[in-house]
Structure formats: structure tokens, C-alpha cells
Amino acid sequence: MPLLSVTTTDNGEDDRMSQPDVPQFLLHQDGDDVAVAVLDLVPGAVRGASVKERTWYDVVISDPVPLGHKFAMVDMPEGHVVRKYGLPIGATTRAVTRGEYVHTHNVRSVRWLTSRA
């Protein structure tokens, strides 16, 4: 059975928010610091899984997270090297708490860590 299958309600709306066995977010692998929303998420309890190991996770998010954007799976102090795909993708520019939206306002890309710009 696929990890992600999308169904719709009778009026054609995406029904993933009401299906407990369909992930609302994905991690590329266990141990990643961030997860990616597979639909627009609103603050509250969400359920997702890791793609590689297929481990399920429950997280309470504190901010809206748009489709395709990231949120923190763990608390991260300022300067923490953020991992996704099991690899460093950036560093926090301030402390970030579990469930918080992760984007350019609180993480600097690894590509720019050594930049002088």
C-alpha cells in the first residue's frame, strides 16, 4: 500500500485532514530536523511519516505551514545545523521550537553559510 494516497470528499475537496492513516507531512528519513507539509497545515495536531523508514510521527504545529514548506520536528537552538535528507541544509538564525514554521526568517541556507553577502 502506498504511503500517500489522496482521496476527495463528495464535493471534490481534499480529504487528507480527516484520514489518520494518510500523512499530512513527510520526513525524508528518521532523524531529520524538519518535515515537509504535503498540504496546507493549520496550527494543531498533525500526523506524518518518514519516507525511508515509514515511521509515523505526531506533532503539534504552532504556525500555519503552506504546502511544500517545512516545520521543525525538534527544538533547535540558535546556530543549530538543520538536517533534511540526512544532510545539512542550513543553520538556525535563532532558537526554533518543535512544530514551528521553518523558512528564511529563522534558517540560513547551507549554501549561504559561508557567503559574504
Protein backbone atom coordinates (compact mmCIF):
# COMPACT_ATOMS: atom_id res chain seq x y z
CA MET A 1 0.00 0.00 0.00
CA PRO A 2 1.43 3.43 -0.88
CA LEU A 3 2.41 5.76 1.93
CA LEU A 4 0.39 8.59 0.41
CA SER A 5 -2.89 8.22 -1.41
CA VAL A 6 -5.24 11.15 -1.85
CA THR A 7 -9.00 10.83 -1.67
CA THR A 8 -11.63 13.51 -2.05
CA THR A 9 -14.95 14.19 -0.36
CA ASP A 10 -18.25 14.07 -2.25
CA ASN A 11 -17.80 17.76 -3.16
CA GLY A 12 -14.28 17.15 -4.54
CA GLU A 13 -12.27 18.55 -1.62
CA ASP A 14 -9.01 17.02 -0.44
CA ASP A 15 -9.86 14.66 2.45
CA ARG A 16 -6.37 14.03 3.89
CA MET A 17 -7.00 16.06 7.07
CA SER A 18 -9.63 13.54 8.21
CA GLN A 19 -7.73 10.35 7.33
CA PRO A 20 -5.50 9.19 10.19
CA ASP A 21 -3.54 6.74 8.01
CA VAL A 22 -2.65 9.30 5.32
CA PRO A 23 0.33 11.55 6.17
CA GLN A 24 -0.14 15.30 6.38
CA PHE A 25 3.63 15.76 6.30
CA LEU A 26 6.71 13.77 5.30
CA LEU A 27 10.25 13.46 6.58
CA HIS A 28 12.77 12.18 4.09
CA GLN A 29 14.25 9.96 6.80
CA ASP A 30 14.17 9.42 10.54
CA GLY A 31 16.42 11.89 12.33
CA ASP A 32 15.70 14.82 10.02
CA ASP A 33 15.19 18.08 11.93
CA VAL A 34 12.44 19.29 9.60
CA ALA A 35 9.42 17.81 7.86
CA VAL A 36 7.61 18.96 4.72
CA ALA A 37 3.87 19.66 4.60
CA VAL A 38 2.06 17.67 1.89
CA LEU A 39 -0.92 20.03 2.14
CA ASP A 40 -1.56 23.41 3.74
CA LEU A 41 -1.41 22.82 7.52
CA VAL A 42 -3.10 24.85 10.23
CA PRO A 43 -1.88 25.05 13.86
CA GLY A 44 -2.76 21.95 15.85
CA ALA A 45 -2.08 18.21 15.82
CA VAL A 46 -0.77 16.70 12.57
CA ARG A 47 0.38 13.21 11.64
CA GLY A 48 3.07 12.25 9.18
CA ALA A 49 5.68 9.68 8.29
CA SER A 50 9.26 9.23 7.16
CA VAL A 51 9.62 8.17 3.55
CA LYS A 52 12.69 5.98 4.03
CA GLU A 53 11.77 4.07 7.21
CA ARG A 54 7.97 4.61 7.15
CA THR A 55 7.94 5.64 10.82
CA TRP A 56 4.83 7.57 11.90
CA TYR A 57 5.06 10.83 13.87
CA ASP A 58 2.54 13.03 15.66
CA VAL A 59 3.42 16.71 16.08
CA VAL A 60 1.55 19.79 17.26
CA ILE A 61 2.41 22.67 14.94
CA SER A 62 2.23 26.24 16.19
CA ASP A 63 2.08 28.10 12.89
CA PRO A 64 0.34 27.70 9.54
CA VAL A 65 2.64 25.76 7.19
CA PRO A 66 1.97 26.05 3.43
CA LEU A 67 2.12 23.04 1.13
CA GLY A 68 5.75 22.15 0.39
CA HIS A 69 7.15 24.20 3.26
CA LYS A 70 8.99 22.95 6.35
CA PHE A 71 8.40 22.88 10.09
CA ALA A 72 10.63 21.81 12.97
CA MET A 73 10.46 18.24 14.22
CA VAL A 74 12.72 19.05 17.18
CA ASP A 75 13.69 22.05 19.29
CA MET A 76 16.78 23.67 17.78
CA PRO A 77 18.97 26.30 19.44
CA GLU A 78 20.39 29.27 17.53
CA GLY A 79 23.23 28.09 15.27
CA HIS A 80 21.93 24.50 15.07
CA VAL A 81 22.80 22.75 11.79
CA VAL A 82 19.44 21.75 10.29
CA ARG A 83 19.26 18.31 8.67
CA LYS A 84 16.95 17.18 5.86
CA TYR A 85 17.58 14.11 3.68
CA GLY A 86 20.01 13.21 6.49
CA LEU A 87 22.24 16.08 5.29
CA PRO A 88 22.83 19.64 6.49
CA ILE A 89 20.64 22.15 4.65
CA GLY A 90 21.21 25.23 6.79
CA ALA A 91 21.59 26.65 10.27
CA THR A 92 19.10 28.32 12.56
CA THR A 93 19.48 32.07 12.97
CA ARG A 94 17.56 31.95 16.26
CA ALA A 95 16.09 29.28 18.52
CA VAL A 96 13.30 27.30 16.82
CA THR A 97 10.81 25.14 18.71
CA ARG A 98 9.25 21.82 17.68
CA GLY A 99 6.22 22.50 15.47
CA GLU A 100 7.37 25.96 14.37
CA TYR A 101 7.35 27.04 10.72
CA VAL A 102 10.89 26.89 9.29
CA HIS A 103 11.81 29.29 6.50
CA THR A 104 14.17 32.15 5.69
CA HIS A 105 13.12 34.11 8.78
CA ASN A 106 14.75 31.55 11.11
CA VAL A 107 17.16 29.44 8.99
CA ARG A 108 20.01 30.42 6.72
CA SER A 109 20.67 28.03 3.83
CA VAL A 110 23.85 25.95 3.94
CA ARG A 111 24.60 27.44 0.53
CA TRP A 112 24.89 30.88 2.20
CA LEU A 113 26.55 29.89 5.47
CA THR A 114 29.97 30.84 4.12
CA SER A 115 28.71 33.62 1.87
CA ARG A 116 29.93 37.16 2.46
CA ALA A 117 26.65 38.60 1.18
